[in-house]
């Protein structure tokens, strides 16, 4: 039986890359370029997302400050200007024409 096992040995496996080294080199180079390109795009998208987040946060903070200013200063700004003396003991100055 050992003679039958020796006769059924699989043929030697030859890698496909050994036959076509120029094509495999080109494919490897293109895959490497694609990897680098996708990495750059990914970093760009992350950068844009962070910038957008920071701008939104700054705008919200600014709007909140403006709302507080109008809330505090809004009541004072709505007061009507009075004619006449503005303090105790001041004389009323009238133009006589």
Protein backbone atom coordinates (compact mmCIF):
# COMPACT_ATOMS: atom_id res chain seq x y z
CA UNK A 1 0.00 0.00 0.00
CA UNK A 2 2.86 2.36 0.54
CA UNK A 3 3.62 2.13 -3.19
CA UNK A 4 0.09 3.38 -4.01
CA UNK A 5 0.47 6.38 -1.65
CA UNK A 6 3.69 7.41 -3.41
CA UNK A 7 2.03 7.32 -6.81
CA UNK A 8 -0.82 9.66 -5.73
CA UNK A 9 1.37 12.57 -4.56
CA UNK A 10 -0.09 15.93 -5.57
CA UNK A 11 1.79 17.86 -8.19
CA UNK A 12 4.03 20.65 -7.00
CA UNK A 13 2.09 23.89 -6.40
CA UNK A 14 3.43 26.85 -8.35
CA UNK A 15 2.20 30.30 -7.23
CA UNK A 16 0.60 32.43 -9.90
CA UNK A 17 2.72 35.42 -8.90
CA UNK A 18 5.88 33.62 -9.93
CA UNK A 19 4.68 33.42 -13.51
CA UNK A 20 3.56 37.06 -13.90
CA UNK A 21 5.75 39.22 -11.66
CA UNK A 22 5.29 42.47 -13.63
CA UNK A 23 1.50 42.37 -13.39
CA UNK A 24 1.55 41.54 -9.70
CA UNK A 25 3.95 44.42 -9.06
CA UNK A 26 1.61 46.83 -10.87
CA UNK A 27 -1.41 45.53 -8.95
CA UNK A 28 0.46 45.83 -5.65
CA UNK A 29 1.49 49.39 -6.48
CA UNK A 30 -2.07 50.35 -7.41
CA UNK A 31 -3.45 48.81 -4.23
CA UNK A 32 -0.86 50.73 -2.18
CA UNK A 33 -1.79 53.99 -3.94
CA UNK A 34 -5.48 53.29 -3.32
CA UNK A 35 -4.76 52.66 0.38
CA UNK A 36 -2.85 55.93 0.69
CA UNK A 37 -5.62 57.82 -1.15
CA UNK A 38 -8.35 56.40 1.06
CA UNK A 39 -6.29 57.21 4.15
CA UNK A 40 -5.98 60.84 3.03
CA UNK A 41 -9.72 61.05 2.33
CA UNK A 42 -10.48 59.56 5.76
CA UNK A 43 -8.25 62.07 7.53
CA UNK A 44 -9.90 64.87 5.55
CA UNK A 45 -13.39 63.75 6.52
CA UNK A 46 -12.38 63.54 10.18
CA UNK A 47 -10.86 67.03 9.98
CA UNK A 48 -14.04 68.47 8.45
CA UNK A 49 -16.22 66.78 11.07
CA UNK A 50 -14.11 68.21 13.92
CA UNK A 51 -14.13 71.70 12.37
CA UNK A 52 -17.91 71.55 11.93
CA UNK A 53 -18.37 70.44 15.54
CA UNK A 54 -16.16 73.25 16.85
CA UNK A 55 -17.94 75.88 14.75
CA UNK A 56 -21.36 74.70 15.92
CA UNK A 57 -20.23 74.75 19.53
CA UNK A 58 -18.79 78.25 19.16
CA UNK A 59 -21.93 79.52 17.40
CA UNK A 60 -24.18 78.01 20.09
CA UNK A 61 -22.05 79.59 22.80
CA UNK A 62 -22.21 82.97 21.04
CA UNK A 63 -25.99 82.73 20.59
CA UNK A 64 -26.38 81.81 24.26
CA UNK A 65 -24.33 84.84 25.32
CA UNK A 66 -26.35 87.11 23.03
CA UNK A 67 -29.60 85.72 24.45
CA UNK A 68 -28.38 86.43 27.99
CA UNK A 69 -27.37 89.97 27.02
CA UNK A 70 -30.74 90.71 25.44
CA UNK A 71 -32.54 89.12 28.37
CA UNK A 72 -30.65 91.24 30.92
CA UNK A 73 -30.33 94.42 28.88
CA UNK A 74 -33.64 94.10 27.09
CA UNK A 75 -35.71 95.35 30.02
CA UNK A 76 -33.56 98.45 30.40
CA UNK A 77 -33.66 99.21 26.71
CA UNK A 78 -37.46 99.11 26.64
CA UNK A 79 -37.80 101.89 29.23
CA UNK A 80 -39.16 105.08 27.72
CA UNK A 81 -37.14 108.26 27.86
CA UNK A 82 -38.65 110.68 30.34
CA UNK A 83 -38.87 114.39 29.88
CA UNK A 84 -38.13 116.51 32.86
CA UNK A 85 -35.62 116.29 35.68
CA UNK A 86 -33.60 113.12 35.89
CA UNK A 87 -32.70 113.28 39.54
CA UNK A 88 -33.73 114.76 42.83
CA UNK A 89 -33.24 118.51 43.10
CA UNK A 90 -32.41 119.22 39.46
CA UNK A 91 -33.90 122.24 37.78
CA UNK A 92 -36.08 121.91 34.73
CA UNK A 93 -34.54 123.77 31.85
CA UNK A 94 -37.06 125.00 29.35
CA UNK A 95 -36.32 126.82 26.16
CA UNK A 96 -38.32 130.02 25.87
CA UNK A 97 -38.79 131.05 22.29
